[in-house]
Amino acid sequence: MVTSFPWLTVLWAIPMVGAGLVMLLPAAQRALAKWVALGVSLAVLAVTAVVTVGFDPGGEQFQFVESHTWIPSFGTGYILGIDGIALALVVLTAVLVPLLIVAGWNDARDRLSWGGRSVNIYFALTLAVEGMVLISLVSLDILLFYVFFEAMLIPMYFLIGGFGGANRSAAAVKFLLYNLFGGLIMLAAVVGLYVVTSTSDAFAAGTFDFREIVAAVAGGEFVLNPMMMHLLFGGFMFAFAVKAPLWPLHRWLPDSAVEATPASAVLMMAIMDKVGTFGMLRYCLQLFPESAVYFSPLIITLAVIGIVYGAVVAIGQTDVMRLIAYTSISHFGFIILGIFVMTSQGQSGSTLYMINHGISTAALFLIAGFLVSRRGSRLISAYGGVQKVAPVLAGTFLVSGLATLSLPGLAPFISEFLVLIGTFTRYPAFAVLAASALVLSAIYVLWMYQRMMTGPVPAELAAGDGRLHDLRPRELVVVAPLIALLVVLGVYPKPALDVINPAVTHTLTTINQPDPAPRMAEGPAR
């Protein structure tokens, strides 16, 4: 569907313009900067609602299409469009960012190095990340996607390095180096893709138009030498595997998540990193289907290792924030597993998992952040008996933790179940190994809750100035919608799956990977 009004341009331009507006506000207008940032994020949510209502799941694959000339000599254009998978992630982004702004309301403490503009800069950077993620999700031009895929690292680097904890500088540099290296490898692949399209008879000239290249690949008009195809696939996949992250390219994530403010850590793990798994599903599979099939056993192996590794390492953590960060490595393993088993259940579950992981991780990490801000310590051993003095905080923490371990009735369960079912139809052994993480996740979540929330209350948390307070109204504004979404999507995921399933079906049809035929047991001979 081509629309006359540029809704997708408005979608990403609002937070980018809003970031500039927040930066231009006087340094003394800190409260105004916060409210403007919140208003901008709510405007993005309103536009997202318009796009969601206007999207027809049974219609054309890409809707709200905008296409304009950008750099004709390079075969690149300003081409935007949205399918069901991208729409799901756009909604996730638009819903979470206002909550993160409220959650980080007091995170931007004045620092001399920021010249008194800490608040303005913090919220402007948050909006900039949102805008860059949104244009990455709706871009249908590969070069345009790459530009913002890399550009989003800059505001995220400053959010970690400028507003994080004591070791924020080292964590920010580690984050940047890992992701920049992956991006440079991808740049070589992007250039290589342009070169091979420019020398192919399938195209009049070199092109970065995603739809044009995929149509030529699916129609058999654009055929690459297997070695060249594997190299190009590897360049894209490496960058996405760093961003996601896939084991063993995960080393930057725990440090960055721990040192960033809780709201910025959630922005990174629940929103920005999803661009990596989105890129695998859109670009790696559809541009290079034969390479994706060829390398799928290796990628699935790494994903399963990541699932088990993240869960095992989480069990041994003494830092509550680091523990939650390692659970994300395990969950990203499930998402990547679902993508590369190449079944409709696996990919639908994987896309739904991106949404549910974003919500559950946001809830658990932010509630843990609220708790740490009261106590001033991330050590699990520093807590105990929290449920006696802060029952609402403890209760919401428990629900979020149970969602993380995929308890039936909460949102992550159905997505993890779909991934495991989709995996079992092609790779039963991998499905069994991945399912072992269910037991491990129960260990780290319930043990963490037992140590922090039950038992005797430390004297310094029970009375006096050090008394641990329950969730405040501002914090409840953040937590309540997340808990509600976990319950609603856990009980009734159909609206999300109705949008996701047609896009997944189109992807599998494009790469010619139908679901395996059911295996029928042979009856007794007659």
Protein backbone atom coordinates (compact mmCIF):
# COMPACT_ATOMS: atom_id res chain seq x y z
CA MET A 1 0.00 0.00 0.00
CA VAL A 2 1.37 3.37 -1.06
CA THR A 3 0.11 6.23 1.05
CA SER A 4 0.12 9.90 0.16
CA PHE A 5 0.97 10.98 3.68
CA PRO A 6 4.53 10.12 4.82
CA TRP A 7 3.57 8.44 8.09
CA LEU A 8 6.83 6.51 8.39
CA THR A 9 8.92 9.62 7.86
CA VAL A 10 6.91 11.38 10.54
CA LEU A 11 7.38 8.33 12.79
CA TRP A 12 11.17 8.56 12.90
CA ALA A 13 11.48 12.33 12.37
CA ILE A 14 9.48 13.23 15.50
CA PRO A 15 12.05 11.80 17.97
CA MET A 16 14.98 13.14 15.93
CA VAL A 17 13.54 16.66 15.80
CA GLY A 18 12.49 16.30 19.43
CA ALA A 19 16.07 15.43 20.38
CA GLY A 20 17.27 18.64 18.76
CA LEU A 21 14.57 20.65 20.50
CA VAL A 22 15.46 19.23 23.90
CA MET A 23 19.13 20.05 23.29
CA LEU A 24 18.29 23.66 22.42
CA LEU A 25 16.35 24.29 25.61
CA PRO A 26 18.16 26.44 28.20
CA ALA A 27 20.27 24.46 30.65
CA ALA A 28 18.26 25.83 33.54
CA GLN A 29 15.01 24.43 32.11
CA ARG A 30 15.64 20.87 33.30
CA ALA A 31 12.03 20.11 34.18
CA LEU A 32 10.84 21.44 30.83
CA ALA A 33 13.39 19.25 29.02
CA LYS A 34 11.99 16.17 30.73
CA TRP A 35 8.40 17.01 29.89
CA VAL A 36 9.22 17.87 26.28
CA ALA A 37 11.04 14.54 25.88
CA LEU A 38 8.08 12.69 27.36
CA GLY A 39 5.67 14.57 25.11
CA VAL A 40 7.74 13.75 22.04
CA SER A 41 7.83 10.04 22.93
CA LEU A 42 4.05 10.05 23.40
CA ALA A 43 3.65 11.71 19.99
CA VAL A 44 5.67 8.83 18.50
CA LEU A 45 3.33 6.41 20.26
CA ALA A 46 0.33 8.22 18.75
CA VAL A 47 1.75 7.98 15.21
CA THR A 48 2.53 4.31 15.83
CA ALA A 49 -1.10 3.78 16.80
CA VAL A 50 -2.21 5.36 13.51
CA VAL A 51 0.14 3.12 11.50
CA THR A 52 -0.96 0.04 13.46
CA VAL A 53 -4.66 0.73 12.88
CA GLY A 54 -4.04 1.37 9.18
CA PHE A 55 -1.91 -1.73 8.66
CA ASP A 56 -3.68 -4.63 6.95
CA PRO A 57 -2.10 -7.97 7.97
CA GLY A 58 -3.69 -9.68 4.97
CA GLY A 59 -2.66 -6.97 2.51
CA GLU A 60 0.58 -6.29 0.67
CA GLN A 61 3.81 -7.34 2.36
CA PHE A 62 5.15 -3.79 2.69
CA GLN A 63 2.69 -1.01 3.45
CA PHE A 64 2.90 2.78 3.98
CA VAL A 65 5.62 2.70 1.32
CA GLU A 66 7.58 5.87 0.60
CA SER A 67 10.11 5.97 -2.22
CA HIS A 68 12.26 8.95 -3.20
CA THR A 69 15.57 9.43 -4.96
CA TRP A 70 18.55 9.81 -2.65
CA ILE A 71 21.88 9.12 -4.39
CA PRO A 72 21.07 7.81 -7.89
CA SER A 73 24.70 7.27 -8.83
CA PHE A 74 25.00 4.74 -5.99
CA GLY A 75 21.68 3.05 -6.68
CA THR A 76 20.34 4.03 -3.30
CA GLY A 77 17.09 5.75 -2.41
CA TYR A 78 15.04 6.94 0.51
CA ILE A 79 12.71 3.93 0.59
CA LEU A 80 10.57 3.15 3.60
CA GLY A 81 7.95 0.48 4.19
CA ILE A 82 6.67 -1.67 7.01
CA ASP A 83 5.69 -5.32 7.27
CA GLY A 84 4.25 -7.27 10.18
CA ILE A 85 7.62 -8.09 11.73
CA ALA A 86 8.85 -4.50 11.60
CA LEU A 87 5.49 -3.24 12.88
CA ALA A 88 5.73 -5.48 15.95
CA LEU A 89 9.13 -4.01 16.83
CA VAL A 90 8.03 -0.46 16.07
CA VAL A 91 5.16 -0.89 18.54
CA LEU A 92 7.56 -2.31 21.14
CA THR A 93 9.87 0.70 20.71
CA ALA A 94 7.07 3.25 20.84
CA VAL A 95 5.55 1.70 23.97
CA LEU A 96 8.79 1.29 25.92
CA VAL A 97 10.48 4.65 25.32
CA PRO A 98 7.92 6.81 27.21
CA LEU A 99 8.15 4.37 30.12
CA LEU A 100 11.96 4.55 30.03
CA ILE A 101 11.86 8.33 30.07
CA VAL A 102 9.68 8.26 33.17
CA ALA A 103 11.86 5.55 34.73
CA GLY A 104 15.00 7.62 34.10
CA TRP A 105 13.39 10.87 35.25
CA ASN A 106 16.13 11.51 37.83
CA ASP A 107 19.02 9.60 36.22
CA ALA A 108 20.68 12.58 34.54
CA ARG A 109 22.57 14.03 37.47
CA ASP A 110 24.53 17.17 36.73
CA ARG A 111 28.16 16.61 35.84
CA LEU A 112 30.69 19.40 35.44
CA SER A 113 31.84 17.92 32.13
CA TRP A 114 28.38 18.42 30.65
CA GLY A 115 28.29 22.14 31.44
CA GLY A 116 25.07 21.93 33.41
CA ARG A 117 23.17 20.40 30.48
CA SER A 118 23.08 16.81 31.72
CA VAL A 119 19.31 16.54 31.71
CA ASN A 120 18.95 17.98 28.20
CA ILE A 121 21.67 15.75 26.81
CA TYR A 122 20.42 12.59 28.50
CA PHE A 123 16.88 12.84 27.16
CA ALA A 124 18.01 14.10 23.75
CA LEU A 125 20.26 11.05 23.39
CA THR A 126 17.39 8.75 24.40
CA LEU A 127 15.15 10.25 21.72
CA ALA A 128 17.95 10.03 19.16
CA VAL A 129 18.34 6.30 19.79
CA GLU A 130 14.58 5.88 19.38
CA GLY A 131 14.56 7.75 16.06
CA MET A 132 17.49 5.78 14.66
CA VAL A 133 16.00 2.44 15.70
CA LEU A 134 12.70 3.36 14.05
CA ILE A 135 14.22 4.33 10.70
CA SER A 136 16.31 1.14 10.76
CA LEU A 137 13.15 -0.92 11.20
CA VAL A 138 11.20 0.76 8.38
CA SER A 139 14.03 1.18 5.86
CA LEU A 140 13.78 -0.78 2.60
CA ASP A 141 17.09 0.52 1.27
CA ILE A 142 20.11 -1.46 2.47
CA LEU A 143 22.51 1.49 2.56
CA LEU A 144 19.98 3.65 4.41
CA PHE A 145 19.54 0.83 6.93
CA TYR A 146 23.30 0.50 7.38
CA VAL A 147 23.82 4.22 8.00
CA PHE A 148 21.41 4.28 10.94
CA PHE A 149 22.35 0.79 12.12
CA GLU A 150 25.80 2.23 12.79
CA ALA A 151 24.75 5.76 13.77
CA MET A 152 22.68 4.55 16.73
CA LEU A 153 25.92 3.48 18.42
CA ILE A 154 26.92 7.11 18.95
CA PRO A 155 24.07 8.28 21.25
CA MET A 156 24.15 4.91 23.03
CA TYR A 157 27.88 5.29 23.65
CA PHE A 158 27.33 8.66 25.32
CA LEU A 159 24.40 7.36 27.36
CA ILE A 160 26.64 4.64 28.80
CA GLY A 161 29.85 6.64 29.08
CA GLY A 162 28.30 9.90 30.24
CA PHE A 163 25.67 8.78 32.72
CA GLY A 164 26.64 5.28 33.89
CA GLY A 165 28.41 3.91 36.94
CA ALA A 166 31.98 4.02 38.17
CA ASN A 167 33.36 1.93 35.28
CA ARG A 168 31.19 3.56 32.63
CA SER A 169 34.07 4.73 30.41
CA ALA A 170 35.55 1.26 29.99
CA ALA A 171 32.12 -0.27 29.40
CA ALA A 172 31.24 2.37 26.80
CA VAL A 173 34.49 1.87 24.91
CA LYS A 174 34.01 -1.91 24.96
CA PHE A 175 30.47 -1.49 23.65
CA LEU A 176 31.62 0.80 20.87
CA LEU A 177 34.64 -1.26 19.77
CA TYR A 178 32.71 -4.51 19.53
CA ASN A 179 29.85 -2.97 17.57
CA LEU A 180 32.03 -0.80 15.35
CA PHE A 181 34.13 -3.80 14.37
CA GLY A 182 30.98 -5.70 13.45
CA GLY A 183 29.76 -2.69 11.51
CA LEU A 184 32.98 -2.41 9.53
CA ILE A 185 32.69 -6.05 8.48
CA MET A 186 29.11 -5.36 7.41
CA LEU A 187 30.22 -2.28 5.46
CA ALA A 188 32.51 -4.47 3.37
CA ALA A 189 29.57 -6.80 2.70
CA VAL A 190 27.27 -3.88 1.80
CA VAL A 191 29.82 -2.57 -0.70
CA GLY A 192 30.33 -6.10 -2.03
CA LEU A 193 26.59 -6.51 -2.52
CA TYR A 194 26.46 -3.30 -4.54
CA VAL A 195 29.37 -4.46 -6.71
CA VAL A 196 27.80 -7.84 -7.53
CA THR A 197 24.43 -6.24 -8.34
CA SER A 198 26.15 -3.76 -10.66
CA THR A 199 27.76 -6.61 -12.63
CA SER A 200 24.63 -8.80 -12.75
CA ASP A 201 22.31 -8.93 -15.77
CA ALA A 202 19.37 -8.98 -13.34
CA PHE A 203 19.77 -5.24 -12.67
CA ALA A 204 20.20 -2.24 -14.94
CA ALA A 205 22.78 -0.87 -12.49
CA GLY A 206 24.03 -1.46 -8.97
CA THR A 207 21.24 -1.17 -6.41
CA PHE A 208 20.57 -1.16 -2.67
CA ASP A 209 16.80 -1.60 -3.07
CA PHE A 210 15.98 -4.51 -0.76
CA ARG A 211 12.75 -5.42 -2.55
CA GLU A 212 14.39 -5.46 -5.97
CA ILE A 213 17.27 -7.67 -4.86
CA VAL A 214 15.05 -10.12 -2.98
CA ALA A 215 12.67 -10.43 -5.95
CA ALA A 216 15.63 -11.21 -8.22
CA VAL A 217 17.01 -13.77 -5.76
CA ALA A 218 13.63 -15.47 -5.31
CA GLY A 219 13.01 -15.52 -9.06
CA GLY A 220 16.40 -17.10 -9.81
CA GLU A 221 17.51 -14.08 -11.84
CA PHE A 222 20.26 -13.08 -9.42
CA VAL A 223 22.59 -16.01 -8.80
CA LEU A 224 25.91 -15.59 -6.99
CA ASN A 225 29.00 -17.71 -6.82
CA PRO A 226 28.57 -19.78 -3.60
CA MET A 227 31.81 -18.50 -2.09
CA MET A 228 30.86 -14.87 -2.76
CA MET A 229 27.37 -15.45 -1.35
CA HIS A 230 28.80 -17.02 1.82
CA LEU A 231 31.20 -14.10 2.30
CA LEU A 232 28.45 -11.51 1.90
CA PHE A 233 26.17 -13.46 4.22
CA GLY A 234 28.99 -13.69 6.77
CA GLY A 235 29.55 -9.94 6.70
CA PHE A 236 25.89 -9.18 7.45
CA MET A 237 25.53 -12.00 9.95
CA PHE A 238 28.65 -11.06 11.91
CA ALA A 239 27.44 -7.51 12.49
CA PHE A 240 23.98 -8.68 13.54
CA ALA A 241 25.46 -11.39 15.79
CA VAL A 242 27.51 -8.76 17.64
CA LYS A 243 24.51 -6.45 18.02
CA ALA A 244 22.09 -9.20 19.11
CA PRO A 245 24.41 -10.56 20.72
CA LEU A 246 25.12 -14.19 19.81
CA TRP A 247 27.57 -16.27 21.84
CA PRO A 248 30.61 -15.91 21.78
CA LEU A 249 30.30 -12.27 20.62
CA HIS A 250 28.39 -11.29 23.76
CA ARG A 251 31.21 -10.09 25.98
CA TRP A 252 30.34 -6.41 25.71
CA LEU A 253 26.73 -6.77 26.90
CA PRO A 254 27.04 -7.56 30.66
CA ASP A 255 29.48 -4.70 31.33
CA SER A 256 27.43 -2.21 29.32
CA ALA A 257 24.16 -3.23 30.96
CA VAL A 258 25.58 -3.04 34.48
CA GLU A 259 27.35 0.30 34.05
CA ALA A 260 24.56 2.09 32.18
CA THR A 261 21.63 3.57 34.05
CA PRO A 262 18.77 1.03 34.26
CA ALA A 263 16.66 2.96 31.74
CA SER A 264 19.56 3.20 29.27
CA ALA A 265 20.39 -0.48 29.76
CA VAL A 266 16.81 -1.41 28.89
CA LEU A 267 16.93 0.94 25.89
CA MET A 268 19.98 -1.00 24.72
CA MET A 269 18.87 -4.58 25.48
CA ALA A 270 15.14 -4.39 24.87
CA ILE A 271 15.08 -2.01 21.88
CA MET A 272 18.40 -1.35 20.16
CA ASP A 273 19.72 -4.92 20.22
CA LYS A 274 16.51 -6.15 18.55
CA VAL A 275 17.72 -4.48 15.36
CA GLY A 276 20.34 -7.25 15.24
CA THR A 277 17.84 -10.11 15.34
CA PHE A 278 15.52 -8.17 13.01
CA GLY A 279 18.42 -7.84 10.56
CA MET A 280 19.01 -11.59 10.62
CA LEU A 281 15.36 -12.28 9.84
CA ARG A 282 15.08 -9.70 7.07
CA TYR A 283 18.48 -9.36 5.44
CA CYS A 284 20.45 -12.55 6.13
CA LEU A 285 17.62 -14.92 5.27
CA GLN A 286 16.05 -13.11 2.32
CA LEU A 287 19.15 -11.74 0.59
CA PHE A 288 21.21 -14.92 1.00
CA PRO A 289 18.78 -17.83 1.49
CA GLU A 290 21.17 -20.55 0.35
CA SER A 291 23.92 -19.34 2.69
CA ALA A 292 21.42 -19.06 5.54
CA VAL A 293 20.45 -22.70 5.01
CA TYR A 294 24.09 -23.76 4.66
CA PHE A 295 25.21 -22.07 7.89
CA SER A 296 22.04 -22.69 9.90
CA PRO A 297 23.42 -25.76 11.76
CA LEU A 298 26.43 -23.72 12.94
CA ILE A 299 24.30 -20.74 13.98
CA ILE A 300 21.78 -22.97 15.74
CA THR A 301 24.62 -24.64 17.62
CA LEU A 302 25.95 -21.26 18.78
CA ALA A 303 22.43 -20.15 19.73
CA VAL A 304 21.86 -23.24 21.89
CA ILE A 305 25.26 -22.79 23.53
CA GLY A 306 24.26 -19.19 24.28
CA ILE A 307 20.95 -20.31 25.75
CA VAL A 308 22.59 -22.72 28.18
CA TYR A 309 25.67 -20.57 28.82
CA GLY A 310 23.65 -17.44 29.69
CA ALA A 311 21.48 -19.41 32.11
CA VAL A 312 24.38 -21.22 33.80
CA VAL A 313 26.45 -18.06 34.24
CA ALA A 314 23.41 -16.18 35.56
CA ILE A 315 23.08 -18.74 38.37
CA GLY A 316 26.56 -17.91 39.63
CA GLN A 317 26.18 -14.13 39.71
CA THR A 318 26.32 -12.11 42.92
CA ASP A 319 25.36 -8.83 41.19
CA VAL A 320 21.61 -8.63 40.52
CA MET A 321 21.97 -6.39 37.45
CA ARG A 322 24.66 -8.60 35.92
CA LEU A 323 22.48 -11.65 36.56
CA ILE A 324 19.63 -10.10 34.59
CA ALA A 325 22.02 -9.10 31.80
CA TYR A 326 23.15 -12.72 31.41
CA THR A 327 19.53 -13.86 31.20
CA SER A 328 19.22 -11.67 28.11
CA ILE A 329 22.07 -13.55 26.46
CA SER A 330 20.11 -16.75 27.03
CA HIS A 331 16.92 -15.19 25.64
CA PHE A 332 18.66 -13.85 22.55
CA GLY A 333 19.82 -17.41 21.96
CA PHE A 334 16.17 -18.49 21.83
CA ILE A 335 15.33 -15.68 19.40
CA ILE A 336 18.18 -16.58 17.04
CA LEU A 337 17.36 -20.29 17.33
CA GLY A 338 13.79 -19.61 16.23
CA ILE A 339 14.97 -17.58 13.23
CA PHE A 340 17.37 -20.18 11.83
CA VAL A 341 15.31 -23.34 12.31
CA MET A 342 13.30 -21.84 9.43
CA THR A 343 9.84 -23.02 10.41
CA SER A 344 6.70 -20.91 10.70
CA GLN A 345 6.33 -21.73 14.40
CA GLY A 346 9.99 -20.96 15.08
CA GLN A 347 10.05 -17.61 13.29
CA SER A 348 6.66 -16.48 14.59
CA GLY A 349 7.76 -17.46 18.09
CA SER A 350 11.07 -15.67 17.58
CA THR A 351 9.42 -12.42 16.50
CA LEU A 352 6.94 -12.63 19.37
CA TYR A 353 9.89 -13.41 21.67
CA MET A 354 11.52 -10.11 20.64
CA ILE A 355 8.45 -8.29 21.93
CA ASN A 356 8.02 -10.36 25.08
CA HIS A 357 11.71 -10.24 25.96
CA GLY A 358 11.61 -6.47 25.64
CA ILE A 359 8.68 -6.20 28.04
CA SER A 360 9.87 -8.76 30.61
CA THR A 361 13.47 -7.51 30.63
CA ALA A 362 12.28 -3.92 30.97
CA ALA A 363 10.09 -4.85 33.94
CA LEU A 364 12.71 -6.94 35.76
CA PHE A 365 15.65 -4.62 35.10
CA LEU A 366 13.80 -1.42 35.99
CA ILE A 367 12.33 -2.85 39.20
CA ALA A 368 15.79 -4.10 40.17
CA GLY A 369 17.11 -0.62 39.35
CA PHE A 370 14.52 1.01 41.61
CA LEU A 371 15.60 -1.34 44.40
CA VAL A 372 19.31 -0.67 43.87
CA SER A 373 18.72 3.09 43.89
CA ARG A 374 17.28 2.75 47.41
CA ARG A 375 20.00 0.54 48.84
CA GLY A 376 22.95 1.79 46.82
CA SER A 377 24.25 -1.72 46.19
CA ARG A 378 23.89 -4.23 43.35
CA LEU A 379 24.97 -7.18 45.51
CA ILE A 380 22.27 -9.78 46.06
CA SER A 381 23.69 -10.43 49.53
CA ALA A 382 22.92 -6.83 50.56
CA TYR A 383 19.21 -7.56 50.55
CA GLY A 384 16.74 -9.78 52.36
CA GLY A 385 13.13 -9.69 53.47
CA VAL A 386 12.20 -6.99 50.97
CA GLN A 387 8.71 -8.41 50.61
CA LYS A 388 8.04 -7.52 54.27
CA VAL A 389 8.86 -3.82 53.92
CA ALA A 390 8.09 -3.26 50.21
CA PRO A 391 5.45 -5.81 49.19
CA VAL A 392 4.42 -4.15 45.92
CA LEU A 393 8.03 -3.91 44.76
CA ALA A 394 8.64 -7.54 45.71
CA GLY A 395 5.41 -8.72 44.09
CA THR A 396 6.05 -7.01 40.78
CA PHE A 397 9.65 -8.25 40.87
CA LEU A 398 8.33 -11.79 41.30
CA VAL A 399 5.88 -11.51 38.41
CA SER A 400 8.63 -10.11 36.18
CA GLY A 401 10.98 -12.90 37.24
CA LEU A 402 8.35 -15.56 36.58
CA ALA A 403 7.84 -14.06 33.13
CA THR A 404 11.57 -14.32 32.54
CA LEU A 405 11.46 -18.05 33.28
CA SER A 406 8.48 -18.37 30.88
CA LEU A 407 5.78 -19.29 33.37
CA PRO A 408 2.56 -20.30 31.54
CA GLY A 409 0.08 -17.43 31.55
CA LEU A 410 2.77 -14.77 31.14
CA ALA A 411 3.87 -13.39 27.79
CA PRO A 412 7.26 -15.10 27.19
CA PHE A 413 5.79 -18.59 27.62
CA ILE A 414 3.96 -18.77 24.29
CA SER A 415 6.89 -17.34 22.33
CA GLU A 416 9.38 -19.76 23.92
CA PHE A 417 6.94 -22.63 23.39
CA LEU A 418 6.59 -21.76 19.69
CA VAL A 419 10.37 -21.58 19.27
CA LEU A 420 10.81 -25.00 20.89
CA ILE A 421 8.01 -26.56 18.82
CA GLY A 422 9.43 -25.06 15.63
CA THR A 423 12.89 -26.33 16.53
CA PHE A 424 11.69 -29.83 17.39
CA THR A 425 10.16 -30.35 13.93
CA ARG A 426 13.60 -30.00 12.30
CA TYR A 427 16.19 -30.45 15.07
CA PRO A 428 14.81 -32.52 17.97
CA ALA A 429 18.17 -32.80 19.76
CA PHE A 430 18.68 -29.02 19.76
CA ALA A 431 15.13 -28.52 21.05
CA VAL A 432 15.82 -30.82 24.00
CA LEU A 433 19.07 -29.00 24.83
CA ALA A 434 17.39 -25.60 24.59
CA ALA A 435 14.54 -26.79 26.81
CA SER A 436 17.05 -27.53 29.57
CA ALA A 437 17.33 -23.77 30.04
CA LEU A 438 13.79 -23.79 31.43
CA VAL A 439 15.06 -25.62 34.48
CA LEU A 440 18.12 -23.41 34.75
CA SER A 441 16.04 -20.23 34.50
CA ALA A 442 13.81 -21.45 37.32
CA ILE A 443 16.94 -21.87 39.45
CA TYR A 444 18.38 -18.40 38.90
CA VAL A 445 15.07 -16.53 39.15
CA LEU A 446 13.66 -18.29 42.20
CA TRP A 447 16.99 -18.38 44.01
CA MET A 448 17.49 -14.67 43.36
CA TYR A 449 14.00 -13.93 44.68
CA GLN A 450 14.54 -16.10 47.75
CA ARG A 451 17.81 -14.40 48.67
CA MET A 452 16.61 -10.85 48.08
CA MET A 453 12.94 -10.81 48.95
CA THR A 454 12.42 -13.44 51.66
CA GLY A 455 13.99 -14.14 55.05
CA PRO A 456 14.90 -11.65 57.77
CA VAL A 457 15.13 -7.96 56.96
CA PRO A 458 18.60 -6.42 57.46
CA ALA A 459 18.49 -3.92 60.29
CA GLU A 460 19.50 -1.01 58.07
CA LEU A 461 16.53 -1.70 55.74
CA ALA A 462 13.91 -2.11 58.43
CA ALA A 463 13.81 1.24 60.22
CA GLY A 464 15.06 4.77 60.34
CA ASP A 465 16.45 6.75 57.44
CA GLY A 466 17.60 3.58 55.72
CA ARG A 467 14.13 2.03 55.66
CA LEU A 468 13.32 0.51 52.29
CA HIS A 469 10.30 2.23 50.74
CA ASP A 470 7.82 0.61 48.41
CA LEU A 471 7.29 1.70 44.81
CA ARG A 472 6.49 5.39 44.45
CA PRO A 473 3.71 6.69 42.15
CA ARG A 474 6.17 7.55 39.36
CA GLU A 475 7.64 4.07 39.54
CA LEU A 476 4.18 2.50 39.52
CA VAL A 477 3.41 4.43 36.33
CA VAL A 478 6.35 2.60 34.75
CA VAL A 479 5.81 -0.86 36.22
CA ALA A 480 2.03 -1.23 36.01
CA PRO A 481 1.78 -1.11 32.17
CA LEU A 482 4.64 -3.61 31.82
CA ILE A 483 3.01 -6.09 34.21
CA ALA A 484 -0.32 -5.62 32.43
CA LEU A 485 1.29 -6.33 29.05
CA LEU A 486 2.96 -9.47 30.40
CA VAL A 487 -0.41 -10.78 31.53
CA VAL A 488 -2.44 -9.70 28.48
CA LEU A 489 0.03 -11.08 25.92
CA GLY A 490 0.40 -14.22 28.01
CA VAL A 491 -3.33 -14.89 27.96
CA TYR A 492 -4.22 -13.48 24.52
CA PRO A 493 -1.27 -13.21 22.08
CA LYS A 494 -3.53 -13.53 19.01
CA PRO A 495 -3.49 -9.82 17.96
CA ALA A 496 0.32 -9.83 17.84
CA LEU A 497 0.51 -13.18 16.04
CA ASP A 498 -2.12 -12.10 13.51
CA VAL A 499 0.24 -9.32 12.43
CA ILE A 500 3.42 -11.41 12.61
CA ASN A 501 2.31 -14.66 10.93
CA PRO A 502 1.67 -13.34 7.38
CA ALA A 503 5.10 -11.67 7.31
CA VAL A 504 6.76 -14.87 8.52
CA THR A 505 4.91 -16.91 5.88
CA HIS A 506 6.10 -14.52 3.19
CA THR A 507 9.69 -14.79 4.43
CA LEU A 508 9.64 -18.60 4.36
CA THR A 509 8.03 -18.60 0.92
CA THR A 510 10.66 -16.18 -0.38
CA ILE A 511 13.53 -18.39 0.81
CA ASN A 512 11.69 -21.57 -0.27
CA GLN A 513 11.67 -23.20 3.16
CA PRO A 514 8.25 -24.80 3.74
CA ASP A 515 7.48 -26.35 7.10
CA PRO A 516 8.51 -30.01 7.42
CA ALA A 517 5.73 -32.48 6.67
CA PRO A 518 4.34 -34.15 9.82
CA ARG A 519 5.86 -37.52 10.54
CA MET A 520 3.23 -40.22 10.62
CA ALA A 521 3.86 -43.25 12.80
CA GLU A 522 3.50 -46.51 10.93
CA GLY A 523 0.72 -48.77 12.15
CA PRO A 524 1.01 -52.51 12.68
CA ALA A 525 1.20 -54.61 9.53
CA ARG A 526 -2.02 -56.32 8.50
